[in-house]
Amino acid sequence: MMKSIFDHIELLVRLAGIGQICLAAGSTAIPGILKWKTELTKVNPLIRHIFWMYAGYILVINFCFGFVSAFCAHDLTNGSKLAVLNTGFIGLYWVSRICIQFFGFERKNFPTGKWLVFGEIVLVSLFLFLCIVYASAFYSNLQKL
């Protein structure tokens, strides 16, 4: 009998957690790569502070989603109401991230170069993986209610 994604959902959630931890760690290089300090000197100080605050929130959220997923995958896949809500929320978070990437950003100012394009492909692939894993975990949890 062929196994489905749902037969491995706990492992996939754990792998998604590791991916998010790696994403959070790697994200610390983004300000340097995109020269945020230089670019942000051109904006109002309030806007600059808000930008850094949002960047910090996103970093912490990505790390926390990763930590919970990597170390509490069973709790996120056990079919409880809390598992349904958490996997639904995390899935929606990543789906919105993909939508913002493709429908909210103006691509004309995106950096170019082989490594930056490669980096974007890797990131978008990770974001898609996270969308699929958490949507599948959400659906699996709903089936267990």
C-alpha atoms as a PDB file:
ATOM      1  CA  MET A   1       0.000   0.000   0.000  1.00  0.00           C
ATOM      2  CA  MET A   2       1.337   3.437  -0.972  1.00  0.00           C
ATOM      3  CA  LYS A   3       1.942   5.886   1.858  1.00  0.00           C
ATOM      4  CA  SER A   4       0.726   9.466   1.640  1.00  0.00           C
ATOM      5  CA  ILE A   5       2.150  12.707   2.919  1.00  0.00           C
ATOM      6  CA  PHE A   6      -0.131  12.331   5.942  1.00  0.00           C
ATOM      7  CA  ASP A   7       1.672   9.153   7.023  1.00  0.00           C
ATOM      8  CA  HIS A   8       4.844  11.226   7.465  1.00  0.00           C
ATOM      9  CA  ILE A   9       3.345  14.498   8.646  1.00  0.00           C
ATOM     10  CA  GLU A  10       5.116  14.547  12.008  1.00  0.00           C
ATOM     11  CA  LEU A  11       8.511  14.088  10.328  1.00  0.00           C
ATOM     12  CA  LEU A  12       7.652  16.727   7.728  1.00  0.00           C
ATOM     13  CA  VAL A  13       6.657  19.211  10.444  1.00  0.00           C
ATOM     14  CA  ARG A  14       9.957  18.497  12.219  1.00  0.00           C
ATOM     15  CA  LEU A  15      11.865  19.099   8.951  1.00  0.00           C
ATOM     16  CA  ALA A  16       9.856  22.288   8.380  1.00  0.00           C
ATOM     17  CA  GLY A  17      10.932  23.390  11.846  1.00  0.00           C
ATOM     18  CA  ILE A  18      14.581  22.802  11.032  1.00  0.00           C
ATOM     19  CA  GLY A  19      14.077  24.719   7.782  1.00  0.00           C
ATOM     20  CA  GLN A  20      12.603  27.677   9.648  1.00  0.00           C
ATOM     21  CA  ILE A  21      15.437  27.705  12.169  1.00  0.00           C
ATOM     22  CA  CYS A  22      17.917  27.722   9.267  1.00  0.00           C
ATOM     23  CA  LEU A  23      15.891  30.478   7.600  1.00  0.00           C
ATOM     24  CA  ALA A  24      15.990  32.593  10.760  1.00  0.00           C
ATOM     25  CA  ALA A  25      19.737  32.065  11.138  1.00  0.00           C
ATOM     26  CA  GLY A  26      20.371  32.840   7.467  1.00  0.00           C
ATOM     27  CA  SER A  27      18.138  35.901   7.627  1.00  0.00           C
ATOM     28  CA  THR A  28      20.694  37.635   9.797  1.00  0.00           C
ATOM     29  CA  ALA A  29      22.823  38.048   6.638  1.00  0.00           C
ATOM     30  CA  ILE A  30      20.064  39.817   4.660  1.00  0.00           C
ATOM     31  CA  PRO A  31      20.645  43.320   6.101  1.00  0.00           C
ATOM     32  CA  GLY A  32      24.268  43.204   4.961  1.00  0.00           C
ATOM     33  CA  ILE A  33      23.540  41.698   1.559  1.00  0.00           C
ATOM     34  CA  LEU A  34      20.843  44.270   0.798  1.00  0.00           C
ATOM     35  CA  LYS A  35      22.731  47.132   2.516  1.00  0.00           C
ATOM     36  CA  TRP A  36      19.842  48.028   4.810  1.00  0.00           C
ATOM     37  CA  LYS A  37      21.833  50.513   6.925  1.00  0.00           C
ATOM     38  CA  THR A  38      22.777  52.561   3.870  1.00  0.00           C
ATOM     39  CA  GLU A  39      19.347  52.303   2.272  1.00  0.00           C
ATOM     40  CA  LEU A  40      17.483  53.136   5.471  1.00  0.00           C
ATOM     41  CA  THR A  41      19.422  56.371   6.022  1.00  0.00           C
ATOM     42  CA  LYS A  42      17.271  57.769   3.190  1.00  0.00           C
ATOM     43  CA  VAL A  43      14.007  57.424   5.134  1.00  0.00           C
ATOM     44  CA  ASN A  44      12.450  59.182   8.091  1.00  0.00           C
ATOM     45  CA  PRO A  45      13.931  57.911  11.413  1.00  0.00           C
ATOM     46  CA  LEU A  46      10.491  56.753  12.589  1.00  0.00           C
ATOM     47  CA  ILE A  47      10.065  54.647   9.440  1.00  0.00           C
ATOM     48  CA  ARG A  48      13.595  53.255   9.928  1.00  0.00           C
ATOM     49  CA  HIS A  49      12.826  52.226  13.531  1.00  0.00           C
ATOM     50  CA  ILE A  50       9.513  50.663  12.547  1.00  0.00           C
ATOM     51  CA  PHE A  51      11.235  48.752   9.731  1.00  0.00           C
ATOM     52  CA  TRP A  52      13.868  47.318  12.115  1.00  0.00           C
ATOM     53  CA  MET A  53      11.160  46.463  14.644  1.00  0.00           C
ATOM     54  CA  TYR A  54       9.131  44.563  12.012  1.00  0.00           C
ATOM     55  CA  ALA A  55      12.260  42.799  10.787  1.00  0.00           C
ATOM     56  CA  GLY A  56      12.978  41.734  14.366  1.00  0.00           C
ATOM     57  CA  TYR A  57       9.427  40.465  14.874  1.00  0.00           C
ATOM     58  CA  ILE A  58       9.579  38.417  11.686  1.00  0.00           C
ATOM     59  CA  LEU A  59      12.947  36.949  12.672  1.00  0.00           C
ATOM     60  CA  VAL A  60      11.667  35.937  16.115  1.00  0.00           C
ATOM     61  CA  ILE A  61       8.408  34.516  14.715  1.00  0.00           C
ATOM     62  CA  ASN A  62      10.280  32.426  12.140  1.00  0.00           C
ATOM     63  CA  PHE A  63      12.646  31.131  14.812  1.00  0.00           C
ATOM     64  CA  CYS A  64       9.800  30.341  17.224  1.00  0.00           C
ATOM     65  CA  PHE A  65       7.745  28.550  14.558  1.00  0.00           C
ATOM     66  CA  GLY A  66      10.865  26.548  13.766  1.00  0.00           C
ATOM     67  CA  PHE A  67      11.642  25.757  17.380  1.00  0.00           C
ATOM     68  CA  VAL A  68       8.075  24.627  18.164  1.00  0.00           C
ATOM     69  CA  SER A  69       7.899  22.575  14.971  1.00  0.00           C
ATOM     70  CA  ALA A  70      11.292  20.925  15.406  1.00  0.00           C
ATOM     71  CA  PHE A  71      10.855  20.035  19.065  1.00  0.00           C
ATOM     72  CA  CYS A  72       7.077  19.640  19.418  1.00  0.00           C
ATOM     73  CA  ALA A  73       6.097  18.124  16.066  1.00  0.00           C
ATOM     74  CA  HIS A  74       3.926  15.506  17.748  1.00  0.00           C
ATOM     75  CA  ASP A  75       1.937  18.208  19.525  1.00  0.00           C
ATOM     76  CA  LEU A  76       1.398  19.977  16.190  1.00  0.00           C
ATOM     77  CA  THR A  77       0.122  16.813  14.518  1.00  0.00           C
ATOM     78  CA  ASN A  78      -1.922  15.079  17.223  1.00  0.00           C
ATOM     79  CA  GLY A  79      -5.328  16.264  15.999  1.00  0.00           C
ATOM     80  CA  SER A  80      -6.084  18.508  18.970  1.00  0.00           C
ATOM     81  CA  LYS A  81      -7.888  21.813  18.539  1.00  0.00           C
ATOM     82  CA  LEU A  82      -4.666  23.589  19.427  1.00  0.00           C
ATOM     83  CA  ALA A  83      -2.807  21.619  16.717  1.00  0.00           C
ATOM     84  CA  VAL A  84      -5.492  22.567  14.171  1.00  0.00           C
ATOM     85  CA  LEU A  85      -5.277  26.246  15.082  1.00  0.00           C
ATOM     86  CA  ASN A  86      -1.478  26.381  15.209  1.00  0.00           C
ATOM     87  CA  THR A  87      -0.866  24.541  11.947  1.00  0.00           C
ATOM     88  CA  GLY A  88      -3.603  26.609  10.306  1.00  0.00           C
ATOM     89  CA  PHE A  89      -2.016  29.830  11.546  1.00  0.00           C
ATOM     90  CA  ILE A  90       1.520  28.834  10.529  1.00  0.00           C
ATOM     91  CA  GLY A  91       0.268  27.645   7.142  1.00  0.00           C
ATOM     92  CA  LEU A  92      -1.598  30.905   6.559  1.00  0.00           C
ATOM     93  CA  TYR A  93       1.519  32.838   7.584  1.00  0.00           C
ATOM     94  CA  TRP A  94       3.606  31.091   4.900  1.00  0.00           C
ATOM     95  CA  VAL A  95       0.901  31.270   2.225  1.00  0.00           C
ATOM     96  CA  SER A  96       0.644  35.013   2.854  1.00  0.00           C
ATOM     97  CA  ARG A  97       4.451  35.268   2.607  1.00  0.00           C
ATOM     98  CA  ILE A  98       4.371  33.655  -0.844  1.00  0.00           C
ATOM     99  CA  CYS A  99       1.489  35.890  -1.974  1.00  0.00           C
ATOM    100  CA  ILE A 100       3.267  39.024  -0.770  1.00  0.00           C
ATOM    101  CA  GLN A 101       6.453  37.911  -2.561  1.00  0.00           C
ATOM    102  CA  PHE A 102       4.728  37.542  -5.910  1.00  0.00           C
ATOM    103  CA  PHE A 103       1.884  40.063  -5.756  1.00  0.00           C
ATOM    104  CA  GLY A 104       3.136  42.726  -3.340  1.00  0.00           C
ATOM    105  CA  PHE A 105       6.744  43.352  -4.331  1.00  0.00           C
ATOM    106  CA  GLU A 106       7.850  45.417  -7.285  1.00  0.00           C
ATOM    107  CA  ARG A 107      10.455  43.253  -8.970  1.00  0.00           C
ATOM    108  CA  LYS A 108      12.132  46.066 -10.917  1.00  0.00           C
ATOM    109  CA  ASN A 109      14.411  46.871  -7.948  1.00  0.00           C
ATOM    110  CA  PHE A 110      15.281  43.289  -7.036  1.00  0.00           C
ATOM    111  CA  PRO A 111      19.015  42.637  -6.814  1.00  0.00           C
ATOM    112  CA  THR A 112      20.552  40.695  -9.661  1.00  0.00           C
ATOM    113  CA  GLY A 113      23.391  38.273  -9.961  1.00  0.00           C
ATOM    114  CA  LYS A 114      23.616  34.484 -10.098  1.00  0.00           C
ATOM    115  CA  TRP A 115      23.925  33.990  -6.350  1.00  0.00           C
ATOM    116  CA  LEU A 116      21.061  36.309  -5.474  1.00  0.00           C
ATOM    117  CA  VAL A 117      18.771  34.635  -8.023  1.00  0.00           C
ATOM    118  CA  PHE A 118      19.846  31.233  -6.685  1.00  0.00           C
ATOM    119  CA  GLY A 119      19.146  32.445  -3.138  1.00  0.00           C
ATOM    120  CA  GLU A 120      15.664  33.584  -4.122  1.00  0.00           C
ATOM    121  CA  ILE A 121      14.934  30.207  -5.726  1.00  0.00           C
ATOM    122  CA  VAL A 122      16.062  28.407  -2.559  1.00  0.00           C
ATOM    123  CA  LEU A 123      13.964  30.696  -0.346  1.00  0.00           C
ATOM    124  CA  VAL A 124      10.834  30.430  -2.475  1.00  0.00           C
ATOM    125  CA  SER A 125      11.263  26.641  -2.575  1.00  0.00           C
ATOM    126  CA  LEU A 126      11.488  26.607   1.222  1.00  0.00           C
ATOM    127  CA  PHE A 127       8.418  28.848   1.516  1.00  0.00           C
ATOM    128  CA  LEU A 128       6.457  26.521  -0.789  1.00  0.00           C
ATOM    129  CA  PHE A 129       7.593  23.502   1.227  1.00  0.00           C
ATOM    130  CA  LEU A 130       6.434  25.211   4.422  1.00  0.00           C
ATOM    131  CA  CYS A 131       3.056  26.059   2.847  1.00  0.00           C
ATOM    132  CA  ILE A 132       2.537  22.456   1.774  1.00  0.00           C
ATOM    133  CA  VAL A 133       3.651  20.939   5.081  1.00  0.00           C
ATOM    134  CA  TYR A 134       1.538  23.175   7.308  1.00  0.00           C
ATOM    135  CA  ALA A 135      -1.511  23.015   5.019  1.00  0.00           C
ATOM    136  CA  SER A 136      -1.184  19.220   5.059  1.00  0.00           C
ATOM    137  CA  ALA A 137      -0.751  19.179   8.840  1.00  0.00           C
ATOM    138  CA  PHE A 138      -3.804  21.433   9.195  1.00  0.00           C
ATOM    139  CA  TYR A 139      -5.877  19.121   6.986  1.00  0.00           C
ATOM    140  CA  SER A 140      -4.574  16.020   8.793  1.00  0.00           C
ATOM    141  CA  ASN A 141      -5.422  17.550  12.165  1.00  0.00           C
ATOM    142  CA  LEU A 142      -8.928  18.426  10.974  1.00  0.00           C
ATOM    143  CA  GLN A 143      -9.459  14.808   9.937  1.00  0.00           C
ATOM    144  CA  LYS A 144      -8.552  13.651  13.460  1.00  0.00           C
ATOM    145  CA  LEU A 145     -11.056  15.922  15.260  1.00  0.00           C
END
